[in-house]
Structures are given as structure tokens and as C-alpha cells.
Amino acid sequence: MIYADTDFFLALLKPEDWLKRNAKKILEKYRGEITTSDATFIELLLLAERYGIDPIKIVSSVMALCGIEDTRYLKAAIYVKEYGLRVFDAFHAAGCGGRIISSDSVYDKLGITRIDLRNPPD
């Protein structure tokens, strides 16, 4: 597998990018061999707004390009776009399995069971 970082995916998915042509060539040559990581998905969601790219579109496109089936990434993108969560909160929510220890009430609107760090149970 070949690891691709954020700029590769941005070059492919931004409407205009000076590296788009090169990224397309590399994609054609190495299709099916490209992978990435959590760090790339986090960075992509942080940059999506700056470049005017829909967070759900960018995440689902990268998942498809890399053959990634982990739904946490798509959940995080939905939480950012549909619920207005900040990127890191969205990733915490997507990966917590429905239960989280936090003082942040943002998780309550998602139906996540929150153990309030400010008011622990007896």
C-alpha cells in the first residue's frame, strides 16, 4: 500500500488545484494501492470549509479512493456538517460507541450517553 497525505486528496477534490493533473496521473497508476489515516481525515475536515468542499463529500470520496469502510469517518463528517460540531468533537463522538465521559454538552444533542465530568455519578 502507498500512503497518501492530505495534499493528494485536496488536489483531486478541490475545484482548482495546481497539482490536480499530477494527482490524477498518480491515482490512475496506483489505484487500489492508496491508503491514508485518521490524521488525514481530521486534516481534511479542518480544511473542508476553507476550500469550500462539502465535508461529507470529501470524506466519502477519500474512503472510496482508499477502499476504507470504517464508518467513523463518515459519521464525523455528518456531525460537522449537520450538527455543527467542531472537528475533534465530531471524531470523539464518532468513535465513542455511544457513551462518553466529558464536560462538553455538545454530545447530548447526538443522543450519546454522557457521563458528565463536572458532576460524576455516586
PDB file of N, CA and C in Angstrom:
ATOM      1  N   MET A   1       0.831  -1.181   0.000  1.00  0.00           N
ATOM      2  CA  MET A   1       0.000   0.000   0.000  1.00  0.00           C
ATOM      3  C   MET A   1       0.884   1.256   0.000  1.00  0.00           C
ATOM      4  N   ILE A   2       0.350   2.307  -0.573  1.00  0.00           N
ATOM      5  CA  ILE A   2       1.051   3.582  -0.633  1.00  0.00           C
ATOM      6  C   ILE A   2       0.234   4.594   0.160  1.00  0.00           C
ATOM      7  N   TYR A   3       0.886   5.215   1.129  1.00  0.00           N
ATOM      8  CA  TYR A   3       0.216   6.193   1.981  1.00  0.00           C
ATOM      9  C   TYR A   3       0.147   7.531   1.253  1.00  0.00           C
ATOM     10  N   ALA A   4      -1.051   8.120   1.218  1.00  0.00           N
ATOM     11  CA  ALA A   4      -1.226   9.446   0.636  1.00  0.00           C
ATOM     12  C   ALA A   4      -1.597  10.421   1.736  1.00  0.00           C
ATOM     13  N   ASP A   5      -0.961  11.591   1.707  1.00  0.00           N
ATOM     14  CA  ASP A   5      -1.330  12.587   2.705  1.00  0.00           C
ATOM     15  C   ASP A   5      -2.361  13.560   2.140  1.00  0.00           C
ATOM     16  N   THR A   6      -2.703  14.526   2.920  1.00  0.00           N
ATOM     17  CA  THR A   6      -3.825  15.415   2.643  1.00  0.00           C
ATOM     18  C   THR A   6      -3.734  16.126   1.312  1.00  0.00           C
ATOM     19  N   ASP A   7      -2.557  16.601   0.932  1.00  0.00           N
ATOM     20  CA  ASP A   7      -2.476  17.401  -0.292  1.00  0.00           C
ATOM     21  C   ASP A   7      -2.835  16.611  -1.547  1.00  0.00           C
ATOM     22  N   PHE A   8      -2.604  15.312  -1.537  1.00  0.00           N
ATOM     23  CA  PHE A   8      -3.003  14.471  -2.667  1.00  0.00           C
ATOM     24  C   PHE A   8      -4.521  14.506  -2.855  1.00  0.00           C
ATOM     25  N   PHE A   9      -5.238  14.304  -1.771  1.00  0.00           N
ATOM     26  CA  PHE A   9      -6.698  14.279  -1.842  1.00  0.00           C
ATOM     27  C   PHE A   9      -7.272  15.661  -2.134  1.00  0.00           C
ATOM     28  N   LEU A  10      -6.689  16.687  -1.546  1.00  0.00           N
ATOM     29  CA  LEU A  10      -7.157  18.045  -1.845  1.00  0.00           C
ATOM     30  C   LEU A  10      -6.952  18.382  -3.315  1.00  0.00           C
ATOM     31  N   ALA A  11      -5.821  17.973  -3.871  1.00  0.00           N
ATOM     32  CA  ALA A  11      -5.564  18.232  -5.293  1.00  0.00           C
ATOM     33  C   ALA A  11      -6.630  17.574  -6.163  1.00  0.00           C
ATOM     34  N   LEU A  12      -7.055  16.388  -5.790  1.00  0.00           N
ATOM     35  CA  LEU A  12      -8.089  15.691  -6.559  1.00  0.00           C
ATOM     36  C   LEU A  12      -9.464  16.309  -6.375  1.00  0.00           C
ATOM     37  N   LEU A  13      -9.778  16.769  -5.170  1.00  0.00           N
ATOM     38  CA  LEU A  13     -11.153  17.120  -4.836  1.00  0.00           C
ATOM     39  C   LEU A  13     -11.468  18.612  -4.858  1.00  0.00           C
ATOM     40  N   LYS A  14     -10.452  19.457  -4.795  1.00  0.00           N
ATOM     41  CA  LYS A  14     -10.714  20.894  -4.921  1.00  0.00           C
ATOM     42  C   LYS A  14     -11.078  21.190  -6.378  1.00  0.00           C
ATOM     43  N   PRO A  15     -11.963  22.161  -6.595  1.00  0.00           N
ATOM     44  CA  PRO A  15     -12.320  22.503  -7.986  1.00  0.00           C
ATOM     45  C   PRO A  15     -11.097  22.895  -8.820  1.00  0.00           C
ATOM     46  N   GLU A  16     -10.198  23.655  -8.241  1.00  0.00           N
ATOM     47  CA  GLU A  16      -8.970  24.071  -8.923  1.00  0.00           C
ATOM     48  C   GLU A  16      -7.792  23.801  -7.996  1.00  0.00           C
ATOM     49  N   ASP A  17      -6.745  23.188  -8.523  1.00  0.00           N
ATOM     50  CA  ASP A  17      -5.529  22.966  -7.749  1.00  0.00           C
ATOM     51  C   ASP A  17      -4.374  22.789  -8.718  1.00  0.00           C
ATOM     52  N   TRP A  18      -3.263  23.419  -8.432  1.00  0.00           N
ATOM     53  CA  TRP A  18      -2.115  23.358  -9.331  1.00  0.00           C
ATOM     54  C   TRP A  18      -1.522  21.948  -9.432  1.00  0.00           C
ATOM     55  N   LEU A  19      -1.864  21.064  -8.504  1.00  0.00           N
ATOM     56  CA  LEU A  19      -1.368  19.689  -8.535  1.00  0.00           C
ATOM     57  C   LEU A  19      -2.412  18.682  -9.030  1.00  0.00           C
ATOM     58  N   LYS A  20      -3.572  19.156  -9.457  1.00  0.00           N
ATOM     59  CA  LYS A  20      -4.663  18.257  -9.857  1.00  0.00           C
ATOM     60  C   LYS A  20      -4.240  17.279 -10.952  1.00  0.00           C
ATOM     61  N   ARG A  21      -3.614  17.773 -12.003  1.00  0.00           N
ATOM     62  CA  ARG A  21      -3.205  16.893 -13.113  1.00  0.00           C
ATOM     63  C   ARG A  21      -2.255  15.794 -12.638  1.00  0.00           C
ATOM     64  N   ASN A  22      -1.291  16.167 -11.818  1.00  0.00           N
ATOM     65  CA  ASN A  22      -0.338  15.180 -11.295  1.00  0.00           C
ATOM     66  C   ASN A  22      -1.032  14.171 -10.377  1.00  0.00           C
ATOM     67  N   ALA A  23      -1.946  14.663  -9.546  1.00  0.00           N
ATOM     68  CA  ALA A  23      -2.675  13.777  -8.641  1.00  0.00           C
ATOM     69  C   ALA A  23      -3.504  12.765  -9.434  1.00  0.00           C
ATOM     70  N   LYS A  24      -4.128  13.213 -10.516  1.00  0.00           N
ATOM     71  CA  LYS A  24      -4.916  12.298 -11.351  1.00  0.00           C
ATOM     72  C   LYS A  24      -4.037  11.222 -11.985  1.00  0.00           C
ATOM     73  N   LYS A  25      -2.844  11.601 -12.440  1.00  0.00           N
ATOM     74  CA  LYS A  25      -1.899  10.624 -13.014  1.00  0.00           C
ATOM     75  C   LYS A  25      -1.509   9.581 -11.973  1.00  0.00           C
ATOM     76  N   ILE A  26      -1.201  10.057 -10.791  1.00  0.00           N
ATOM     77  CA  ILE A  26      -0.792   9.139  -9.712  1.00  0.00           C
ATOM     78  C   ILE A  26      -1.956   8.229  -9.332  1.00  0.00           C
ATOM     79  N   LEU A  27      -3.152   8.784  -9.259  1.00  0.00           N
ATOM     80  CA  LEU A  27      -4.326   7.973  -8.941  1.00  0.00           C
ATOM     81  C   LEU A  27      -4.518   6.861  -9.968  1.00  0.00           C
ATOM     82  N   GLU A  28      -4.400   7.188 -11.222  1.00  0.00           N
ATOM     83  CA  GLU A  28      -4.572   6.168 -12.268  1.00  0.00           C
ATOM     84  C   GLU A  28      -3.511   5.076 -12.167  1.00  0.00           C
ATOM     85  N   LYS A  29      -2.289   5.467 -11.878  1.00  0.00           N
ATOM     86  CA  LYS A  29      -1.195   4.482 -11.804  1.00  0.00           C
ATOM     87  C   LYS A  29      -1.302   3.587 -10.564  1.00  0.00           C
ATOM     88  N   TYR A  30      -1.738   4.156  -9.431  1.00  0.00           N
ATOM     89  CA  TYR A  30      -1.712   3.422  -8.174  1.00  0.00           C
ATOM     90  C   TYR A  30      -3.098   3.128  -7.598  1.00  0.00           C
ATOM     91  N   ARG A  31      -4.128   3.258  -8.409  1.00  0.00           N
ATOM     92  CA  ARG A  31      -5.493   2.986  -7.924  1.00  0.00           C
ATOM     93  C   ARG A  31      -5.551   1.592  -7.298  1.00  0.00           C
ATOM     94  N   GLY A  32      -6.174   1.499  -6.146  1.00  0.00           N
ATOM     95  CA  GLY A  32      -6.273   0.224  -5.431  1.00  0.00           C
ATOM     96  C   GLY A  32      -5.127  -0.023  -4.480  1.00  0.00           C
ATOM     97  N   GLU A  33      -4.097   0.816  -4.534  1.00  0.00           N
ATOM     98  CA  GLU A  33      -2.937   0.665  -3.650  1.00  0.00           C
ATOM     99  C   GLU A  33      -2.805   1.820  -2.666  1.00  0.00           C
ATOM    100  N   ILE A  34      -3.707   2.779  -2.721  1.00  0.00           N
ATOM    101  CA  ILE A  34      -3.579   4.002  -1.924  1.00  0.00           C
ATOM    102  C   ILE A  34      -4.331   3.855  -0.606  1.00  0.00           C
ATOM    103  N   THR A  35      -3.688   4.305   0.462  1.00  0.00           N
ATOM    104  CA  THR A  35      -4.291   4.297   1.786  1.00  0.00           C
ATOM    105  C   THR A  35      -3.998   5.619   2.479  1.00  0.00           C
ATOM    106  N   THR A  36      -4.596   5.831   3.627  1.00  0.00           N
ATOM    107  CA  THR A  36      -4.339   7.022   4.427  1.00  0.00           C
ATOM    108  C   THR A  36      -4.688   6.722   5.875  1.00  0.00           C
ATOM    109  N   SER A  37      -4.838   7.757   6.703  1.00  0.00           N
ATOM    110  CA  SER A  37      -5.020   7.519   8.140  1.00  0.00           C
ATOM    111  C   SER A  37      -6.002   8.505   8.766  1.00  0.00           C
ATOM    112  N   ASP A  38      -6.232   8.318  10.066  1.00  0.00           N
ATOM    113  CA  ASP A  38      -7.078   9.228  10.835  1.00  0.00           C
ATOM    114  C   ASP A  38      -6.594  10.664  10.699  1.00  0.00           C
ATOM    115  N   ALA A  39      -5.285  10.855  10.761  1.00  0.00           N
ATOM    116  CA  ALA A  39      -4.724  12.210  10.690  1.00  0.00           C
ATOM    117  C   ALA A  39      -5.150  12.919   9.410  1.00  0.00           C
ATOM    118  N   THR A  40      -5.172  12.208   8.306  1.00  0.00           N
ATOM    119  CA  THR A  40      -5.583  12.808   7.042  1.00  0.00           C
ATOM    120  C   THR A  40      -7.053  13.191   7.070  1.00  0.00           C
ATOM    121  N   PHE A  41      -7.904  12.322   7.590  1.00  0.00           N
ATOM    122  CA  PHE A  41      -9.328  12.635   7.665  1.00  0.00           C
ATOM    123  C   PHE A  41      -9.583  13.847   8.566  1.00  0.00           C
ATOM    124  N   ILE A  42      -8.875  13.927   9.669  1.00  0.00           N
ATOM    125  CA  ILE A  42      -9.019  15.082  10.557  1.00  0.00           C
ATOM    126  C   ILE A  42      -8.604  16.353   9.823  1.00  0.00           C
ATOM    127  N   GLU A  43      -7.460  16.302   9.185  1.00  0.00           N
ATOM    128  CA  GLU A  43      -6.975  17.477   8.456  1.00  0.00           C
ATOM    129  C   GLU A  43      -7.922  17.860   7.322  1.00  0.00           C
ATOM    130  N   LEU A  44      -8.446  16.883   6.610  1.00  0.00           N
ATOM    131  CA  LEU A  44      -9.389  17.171   5.530  1.00  0.00           C
ATOM    132  C   LEU A  44     -10.642  17.872   6.041  1.00  0.00           C
ATOM    133  N   LEU A  45     -11.167  17.417   7.173  1.00  0.00           N
ATOM    134  CA  LEU A  45     -12.347  18.078   7.732  1.00  0.00           C
ATOM    135  C   LEU A  45     -12.018  19.486   8.222  1.00  0.00           C
ATOM    136  N   LEU A  46     -10.831  19.675   8.748  1.00  0.00           N
ATOM    137  CA  LEU A  46     -10.427  21.012   9.168  1.00  0.00           C
ATOM    138  C   LEU A  46     -10.310  21.962   7.969  1.00  0.00           C
ATOM    139  N   LEU A  47      -9.886  21.427   6.823  1.00  0.00           N
ATOM    140  CA  LEU A  47      -9.675  22.251   5.633  1.00  0.00           C
ATOM    141  C   LEU A  47     -10.892  22.342   4.709  1.00  0.00           C
ATOM    142  N   ALA A  48     -11.875  21.501   4.908  1.00  0.00           N
ATOM    143  CA  ALA A  48     -13.034  21.465   4.005  1.00  0.00           C
ATOM    144  C   ALA A  48     -13.707  22.829   3.895  1.00  0.00           C
ATOM    145  N   GLU A  49     -13.907  23.472   5.018  1.00  0.00           N
ATOM    146  CA  GLU A  49     -14.577  24.773   4.988  1.00  0.00           C
ATOM    147  C   GLU A  49     -13.725  25.806   4.247  1.00  0.00           C
ATOM    148  N   ARG A  50     -12.424  25.805   4.503  1.00  0.00           N
ATOM    149  CA  ARG A  50     -11.530  26.765   3.856  1.00  0.00           C
ATOM    150  C   ARG A  50     -11.614  26.678   2.334  1.00  0.00           C
ATOM    151  N   TYR A  51     -11.708  25.457   1.824  1.00  0.00           N
ATOM    152  CA  TYR A  51     -11.710  25.262   0.376  1.00  0.00           C
ATOM    153  C   TYR A  51     -13.109  25.104  -0.214  1.00  0.00           C
ATOM    154  N   GLY A  52     -14.125  25.281   0.611  1.00  0.00           N
ATOM    155  CA  GLY A  52     -15.493  25.204   0.115  1.00  0.00           C
ATOM    156  C   GLY A  52     -15.892  23.821  -0.364  1.00  0.00           C
ATOM    157  N   ILE A  53     -15.381  22.788   0.303  1.00  0.00           N
ATOM    158  CA  ILE A  53     -15.697  21.404  -0.055  1.00  0.00           C
ATOM    159  C   ILE A  53     -16.637  20.836   1.003  1.00  0.00           C
ATOM    160  N   ASP A  54     -17.691  20.206   0.557  1.00  0.00           N
ATOM    161  CA  ASP A  54     -18.640  19.573   1.473  1.00  0.00           C
ATOM    162  C   ASP A  54     -17.907  18.506   2.286  1.00  0.00           C
ATOM    163  N   PRO A  55     -17.982  18.559   3.631  1.00  0.00           N
ATOM    164  CA  PRO A  55     -17.259  17.590   4.456  1.00  0.00           C
ATOM    165  C   PRO A  55     -17.665  16.133   4.194  1.00  0.00           C
ATOM    166  N   ILE A  56     -18.943  15.923   3.942  1.00  0.00           N
ATOM    167  CA  ILE A  56     -19.397  14.552   3.671  1.00  0.00           C
ATOM    168  C   ILE A  56     -18.859  14.076   2.330  1.00  0.00           C
ATOM    169  N   LYS A  57     -18.868  14.949   1.346  1.00  0.00           N
ATOM    170  CA  LYS A  57     -18.354  14.580   0.022  1.00  0.00           C
ATOM    171  C   LYS A  57     -16.860  14.251   0.067  1.00  0.00           C
ATOM    172  N   ILE A  58     -16.084  15.084   0.756  1.00  0.00           N
ATOM    173  CA  ILE A  58     -14.639  14.846   0.773  1.00  0.00           C
ATOM    174  C   ILE A  58     -14.311  13.552   1.508  1.00  0.00           C
ATOM    175  N   VAL A  59     -14.985  13.307   2.618  1.00  0.00           N
ATOM    176  CA  VAL A  59     -14.714  12.088   3.386  1.00  0.00           C
ATOM    177  C   VAL A  59     -15.158  10.849   2.617  1.00  0.00           C
ATOM    178  N   SER A  60     -16.351  10.882   2.045  1.00  0.00           N
ATOM    179  CA  SER A  60     -16.819   9.701   1.309  1.00  0.00           C
ATOM    180  C   SER A  60     -15.968   9.459   0.067  1.00  0.00           C
ATOM    181  N   SER A  61     -15.488  10.516  -0.574  1.00  0.00           N
ATOM    182  CA  SER A  61     -14.622  10.352  -1.748  1.00  0.00           C
ATOM    183  C   SER A  61     -13.292   9.708  -1.375  1.00  0.00           C
ATOM    184  N   VAL A  62     -12.683  10.171  -0.286  1.00  0.00           N
ATOM    185  CA  VAL A  62     -11.402   9.598   0.149  1.00  0.00           C
ATOM    186  C   VAL A  62     -11.596   8.153   0.594  1.00  0.00           C
ATOM    187  N   MET A  63     -12.685   7.874   1.294  1.00  0.00           N
ATOM    188  CA  MET A  63     -12.963   6.492   1.682  1.00  0.00           C
ATOM    189  C   MET A  63     -13.069   5.601   0.460  1.00  0.00           C
ATOM    190  N   ALA A  64     -13.754   6.070  -0.577  1.00  0.00           N
ATOM    191  CA  ALA A  64     -13.912   5.286  -1.805  1.00  0.00           C
ATOM    192  C   ALA A  64     -12.573   5.105  -2.508  1.00  0.00           C
ATOM    193  N   LEU A  65     -11.783   6.159  -2.593  1.00  0.00           N
ATOM    194  CA  LEU A  65     -10.478   6.066  -3.264  1.00  0.00           C
ATOM    195  C   LEU A  65      -9.553   5.070  -2.575  1.00  0.00           C
ATOM    196  N   CYS A  66      -9.670   4.992  -1.257  1.00  0.00           N
ATOM    197  CA  CYS A  66      -8.778   4.123  -0.476  1.00  0.00           C
ATOM    198  C   CYS A  66      -9.405   2.778  -0.114  1.00  0.00           C
ATOM    199  N   GLY A  67     -10.657   2.577  -0.453  1.00  0.00           N
ATOM    200  CA  GLY A  67     -11.321   1.328  -0.086  1.00  0.00           C
ATOM    201  C   GLY A  67     -11.518   1.198   1.418  1.00  0.00           C
ATOM    202  N   ILE A  68     -11.712   2.312   2.095  1.00  0.00           N
ATOM    203  CA  ILE A  68     -11.893   2.319   3.553  1.00  0.00           C
ATOM    204  C   ILE A  68     -13.374   2.197   3.869  1.00  0.00           C
ATOM    205  N   GLU A  69     -13.709   1.283   4.754  1.00  0.00           N
ATOM    206  CA  GLU A  69     -15.105   1.053   5.109  1.00  0.00           C
ATOM    207  C   GLU A  69     -15.439   1.469   6.537  1.00  0.00           C
ATOM    208  N   ASP A  70     -14.491   2.039   7.250  1.00  0.00           N
ATOM    209  CA  ASP A  70     -14.692   2.469   8.634  1.00  0.00           C
ATOM    210  C   ASP A  70     -15.664   3.643   8.659  1.00  0.00           C
ATOM    211  N   THR A  71     -16.853   3.434   9.194  1.00  0.00           N
ATOM    212  CA  THR A  71     -17.907   4.445   9.151  1.00  0.00           C
ATOM    213  C   THR A  71     -17.680   5.608  10.114  1.00  0.00           C
ATOM    214  N   ARG A  72     -16.699   5.520  10.988  1.00  0.00           N
ATOM    215  CA  ARG A  72     -16.419   6.629  11.909  1.00  0.00           C
ATOM    216  C   ARG A  72     -16.116   7.918  11.150  1.00  0.00           C
ATOM    217  N   TYR A  73     -15.422   7.804  10.042  1.00  0.00           N
ATOM    218  CA  TYR A  73     -15.051   8.999   9.280  1.00  0.00           C
ATOM    219  C   TYR A  73     -16.284   9.697   8.711  1.00  0.00           C
ATOM    220  N   LEU A  74     -17.187   8.918   8.164  1.00  0.00           N
ATOM    221  CA  LEU A  74     -18.409   9.489   7.607  1.00  0.00           C
ATOM    222  C   LEU A  74     -19.289  10.068   8.716  1.00  0.00           C
ATOM    223  N   LYS A  75     -19.370   9.365   9.847  1.00  0.00           N
ATOM    224  CA  LYS A  75     -20.126   9.882  10.988  1.00  0.00           C
ATOM    225  C   LYS A  75     -19.568  11.233  11.429  1.00  0.00           C
ATOM    226  N   ALA A  76     -18.253  11.329  11.528  1.00  0.00           N
ATOM    227  CA  ALA A  76     -17.629  12.583  11.941  1.00  0.00           C
ATOM    228  C   ALA A  76     -17.974  13.703  10.963  1.00  0.00           C
ATOM    229  N   ALA A  77     -17.934  13.415   9.672  1.00  0.00           N
ATOM    230  CA  ALA A  77     -18.269  14.423   8.662  1.00  0.00           C
ATOM    231  C   ALA A  77     -19.722  14.869   8.796  1.00  0.00           C
ATOM    232  N   ILE A  78     -20.608  13.935   9.057  1.00  0.00           N
ATOM    233  CA  ILE A  78     -22.029  14.268   9.246  1.00  0.00           C
ATOM    234  C   ILE A  78     -22.197  15.136  10.488  1.00  0.00           C
ATOM    235  N   TYR A  79     -21.508  14.809  11.564  1.00  0.00           N
ATOM    236  CA  TYR A  79     -21.598  15.605  12.787  1.00  0.00           C
ATOM    237  C   TYR A  79     -21.106  17.033  12.559  1.00  0.00           C
ATOM    238  N   VAL A  80     -20.073  17.185  11.741  1.00  0.00           N
ATOM    239  CA  VAL A  80     -19.568  18.529  11.423  1.00  0.00           C
ATOM    240  C   VAL A  80     -20.583  19.290  10.585  1.00  0.00           C
ATOM    241  N   LYS A  81     -21.061  18.659   9.521  1.00  0.00           N
ATOM    242  CA  LYS A  81     -21.951  19.353   8.588  1.00  0.00           C
ATOM    243  C   LYS A  81     -23.363  19.544   9.133  1.00  0.00           C
ATOM    244  N   GLU A  82     -23.948  18.494   9.656  1.00  0.00           N
ATOM    245  CA  GLU A  82     -25.357  18.527  10.035  1.00  0.00           C
ATOM    246  C   GLU A  82     -25.611  19.036  11.458  1.00  0.00           C
ATOM    247  N   TYR A  83     -24.630  18.861  12.352  1.00  0.00           N
ATOM    248  CA  TYR A  83     -24.833  19.232  13.751  1.00  0.00           C
ATOM    249  C   TYR A  83     -23.924  20.378  14.203  1.00  0.00           C
ATOM    250  N   GLY A  84     -23.034  20.811  13.344  1.00  0.00           N
ATOM    251  CA  GLY A  84     -22.170  21.936  13.668  1.00  0.00           C
ATOM    252  C   GLY A  84     -21.091  21.652  14.686  1.00  0.00           C
ATOM    253  N   LEU A  85     -20.728  20.382  14.885  1.00  0.00           N
ATOM    254  CA  LEU A  85     -19.668  20.066  15.833  1.00  0.00           C
ATOM    255  C   LEU A  85     -18.319  20.500  15.281  1.00  0.00           C
ATOM    256  N   ARG A  86     -17.426  20.827  16.182  1.00  0.00           N
ATOM    257  CA  ARG A  86     -16.038  21.072  15.791  1.00  0.00           C
ATOM    258  C   ARG A  86     -15.440  19.715  15.416  1.00  0.00           C
ATOM    259  N   VAL A  87     -14.405  19.755  14.619  1.00  0.00           N
ATOM    260  CA  VAL A  87     -13.847  18.523  14.046  1.00  0.00           C
ATOM    261  C   VAL A  87     -13.431  17.521  15.110  1.00  0.00           C
ATOM    262  N   PHE A  88     -12.703  17.942  16.116  1.00  0.00           N
ATOM    263  CA  PHE A  88     -12.229  16.981  17.115  1.00  0.00           C
ATOM    264  C   PHE A  88     -13.386  16.408  17.927  1.00  0.00           C
ATOM    265  N   ASP A  89     -14.363  17.253  18.271  1.00  0.00           N
ATOM    266  CA  ASP A  89     -15.543  16.742  18.962  1.00  0.00           C
ATOM    267  C   ASP A  89     -16.276  15.725  18.090  1.00  0.00           C
ATOM    268  N   ALA A  90     -16.347  15.999  16.799  1.00  0.00           N
ATOM    269  CA  ALA A  90     -17.017  15.079  15.870  1.00  0.00           C
ATOM    270  C   ALA A  90     -16.318  13.724  15.842  1.00  0.00           C
ATOM    271  N   PHE A  91     -15.001  13.717  15.853  1.00  0.00           N
ATOM    272  CA  PHE A  91     -14.269  12.448  15.864  1.00  0.00           C
ATOM    273  C   PHE A  91     -14.437  11.712  17.188  1.00  0.00           C
ATOM    274  N   HIS A  92     -14.451  12.453  18.288  1.00  0.00           N
ATOM    275  CA  HIS A  92     -14.715  11.806  19.584  1.00  0.00           C
ATOM    276  C   HIS A  92     -16.100  11.159  19.564  1.00  0.00           C
ATOM    277  N   ALA A  93     -17.096  11.900  19.072  1.00  0.00           N
ATOM    278  CA  ALA A  93     -18.467  11.387  19.021  1.00  0.00           C
ATOM    279  C   ALA A  93     -18.563  10.159  18.117  1.00  0.00           C
ATOM    280  N   ALA A  94     -17.902  10.214  16.982  1.00  0.00           N
ATOM    281  CA  ALA A  94     -17.972   9.106  16.026  1.00  0.00           C
ATOM    282  C   ALA A  94     -17.296   7.847  16.547  1.00  0.00           C
ATOM    283  N   GLY A  95     -16.315   8.023  17.417  1.00  0.00           N
ATOM    284  CA  GLY A  95     -15.562   6.861  17.894  1.00  0.00           C
ATOM    285  C   GLY A  95     -15.909   6.373  19.283  1.00  0.00           C
ATOM    286  N   CYS A  96     -16.864   7.020  19.950  1.00  0.00           N
ATOM    287  CA  CYS A  96     -17.112   6.691  21.358  1.00  0.00           C
ATOM    288  C   CYS A  96     -18.036   5.496  21.569  1.00  0.00           C
ATOM    289  N   GLY A  97     -18.679   5.031  20.529  1.00  0.00           N
ATOM    290  CA  GLY A  97     -19.567   3.874  20.680  1.00  0.00           C
ATOM    291  C   GLY A  97     -20.850   4.181  21.430  1.00  0.00           C
ATOM    292  N   GLY A  98     -21.220   5.449  21.495  1.00  0.00           N
ATOM    293  CA  GLY A  98     -22.483   5.814  22.126  1.00  0.00           C
ATOM    294  C   GLY A  98     -22.392   6.235  23.577  1.00  0.00           C
ATOM    295  N   ARG A  99     -21.197   6.162  24.173  1.00  0.00           N
ATOM    296  CA  ARG A  99     -21.008   6.570  25.566  1.00  0.00           C
ATOM    297  C   ARG A  99     -19.701   7.345  25.667  1.00  0.00           C
ATOM    298  N   ILE A 100     -19.747   8.462  26.405  1.00  0.00           N
ATOM    299  CA  ILE A 100     -18.551   9.295  26.512  1.00  0.00           C
ATOM    300  C   ILE A 100     -18.480   9.952  27.886  1.00  0.00           C
ATOM    301  N   ILE A 101     -17.272  10.130  28.379  1.00  0.00           N
ATOM    302  CA  ILE A 101     -17.020  10.910  29.585  1.00  0.00           C
ATOM    303  C   ILE A 101     -16.539  12.271  29.118  1.00  0.00           C
ATOM    304  N   SER A 102     -17.287  13.316  29.462  1.00  0.00           N
ATOM    305  CA  SER A 102     -16.932  14.652  29.006  1.00  0.00           C
ATOM    306  C   SER A 102     -17.711  15.705  29.775  1.00  0.00           C
ATOM    307  N   SER A 103     -17.126  16.886  29.875  1.00  0.00           N
ATOM    308  CA  SER A 103     -17.854  18.021  30.435  1.00  0.00           C
ATOM    309  C   SER A 103     -18.588  18.786  29.345  1.00  0.00           C
ATOM    310  N   ASP A 104     -18.354  18.431  28.102  1.00  0.00           N
ATOM    311  CA  ASP A 104     -18.916  19.140  26.947  1.00  0.00           C
ATOM    312  C   ASP A 104     -20.309  18.615  26.604  1.00  0.00           C
ATOM    313  N   SER A 105     -21.309  19.475  26.701  1.00  0.00           N
ATOM    314  CA  SER A 105     -22.694  19.053  26.458  1.00  0.00           C
ATOM    315  C   SER A 105     -23.028  18.887  24.979  1.00  0.00           C
ATOM    316  N   VAL A 106     -22.091  19.175  24.090  1.00  0.00           N
ATOM    317  CA  VAL A 106     -22.351  19.057  22.656  1.00  0.00           C
ATOM    318  C   VAL A 106     -22.782  17.637  22.268  1.00  0.00           C
ATOM    319  N   TYR A 107     -22.338  16.657  23.022  1.00  0.00           N
ATOM    320  CA  TYR A 107     -22.659  15.260  22.709  1.00  0.00           C
ATOM    321  C   TYR A 107     -24.112  14.904  23.014  1.00  0.00           C
ATOM    322  N   ASP A 108     -24.734  15.676  23.898  1.00  0.00           N
ATOM    323  CA  ASP A 108     -26.114  15.390  24.290  1.00  0.00           C
ATOM    324  C   ASP A 108     -27.069  15.459  23.103  1.00  0.00           C
ATOM    325  N   LYS A 109     -26.862  16.413  22.192  1.00  0.00           N
ATOM    326  CA  LYS A 109     -27.778  16.557  21.061  1.00  0.00           C
ATOM    327  C   LYS A 109     -27.640  15.440  20.032  1.00  0.00           C
ATOM    328  N   LEU A 110     -26.636  14.606  20.201  1.00  0.00           N
ATOM    329  CA  LEU A 110     -26.432  13.483  19.289  1.00  0.00           C
ATOM    330  C   LEU A 110     -27.034  12.187  19.827  1.00  0.00           C
ATOM    331  N   GLY A 111     -27.578  12.238  21.037  1.00  0.00           N
ATOM    332  CA  GLY A 111     -28.125  11.036  21.646  1.00  0.00           C
ATOM    333  C   GLY A 111     -27.063  10.157  22.274  1.00  0.00           C
ATOM    334  N   ILE A 112     -25.881  10.691  22.470  1.00  0.00           N
ATOM    335  CA  ILE A 112     -24.789   9.949  23.100  1.00  0.00           C
ATOM    336  C   ILE A 112     -24.955  10.050  24.610  1.00  0.00           C
ATOM    337  N   THR A 113     -24.823   8.935  25.299  1.00  0.00           N
ATOM    338  CA  THR A 113     -24.890   8.932  26.750  1.00  0.00           C
ATOM    339  C   THR A 113     -23.600   9.558  27.274  1.00  0.00           C
ATOM    340  N   ARG A 114     -23.753  10.658  28.006  1.00  0.00           N
ATOM    341  CA  ARG A 114     -22.582  11.379  28.502  1.00  0.00           C
ATOM    342  C   ARG A 114     -22.505  11.260  30.014  1.00  0.00           C
ATOM    343  N   ILE A 115     -21.375  10.807  30.489  1.00  0.00           N
ATOM    344  CA  ILE A 115     -21.067  10.844  31.912  1.00  0.00           C
ATOM    345  C   ILE A 115     -20.406  12.191  32.129  1.00  0.00           C
ATOM    346  N   ASP A 116     -21.111  13.072  32.829  1.00  0.00           N
ATOM    347  CA  ASP A 116     -20.665  14.454  32.972  1.00  0.00           C
ATOM    348  C   ASP A 116     -19.477  14.536  33.914  1.00  0.00           C
ATOM    349  N   LEU A 117     -18.385  14.957  33.401  1.00  0.00           N
ATOM    350  CA  LEU A 117     -17.144  15.074  34.162  1.00  0.00           C
ATOM    351  C   LEU A 117     -17.287  16.094  35.291  1.00  0.00           C
ATOM    352  N   ARG A 118     -18.193  17.063  35.128  1.00  0.00           N
ATOM    353  CA  ARG A 118     -18.410  18.088  36.145  1.00  0.00           C
ATOM    354  C   ARG A 118     -19.269  17.575  37.295  1.00  0.00           C
ATOM    355  N   ASN A 119     -20.038  16.536  37.041  1.00  0.00           N
ATOM    356  CA  ASN A 119     -20.963  16.023  38.030  1.00  0.00           C
ATOM    357  C   ASN A 119     -20.987  14.507  37.953  1.00  0.00           C
ATOM    358  N   PRO A 120     -19.926  13.836  38.431  1.00  0.00           N
ATOM    359  CA  PRO A 120     -19.844  12.380  38.324  1.00  0.00           C
ATOM    360  C   PRO A 120     -20.904  11.674  39.160  1.00  0.00           C
ATOM    361  N   PRO A 121     -21.321  10.505  38.711  1.00  0.00           N
ATOM    362  CA  PRO A 121     -22.302   9.730  39.498  1.00  0.00           C
ATOM    363  C   PRO A 121     -21.665   9.240  40.794  1.00  0.00           C
ATOM    364  N   ASP A 122     -22.526   8.986  41.780  1.00  0.00           N
ATOM    365  CA  ASP A 122     -22.044   8.470  43.070  1.00  0.00           C
ATOM    366  C   ASP A 122     -21.605   7.038  42.966  1.00  0.00           C
TER     367      ASP A 122
END
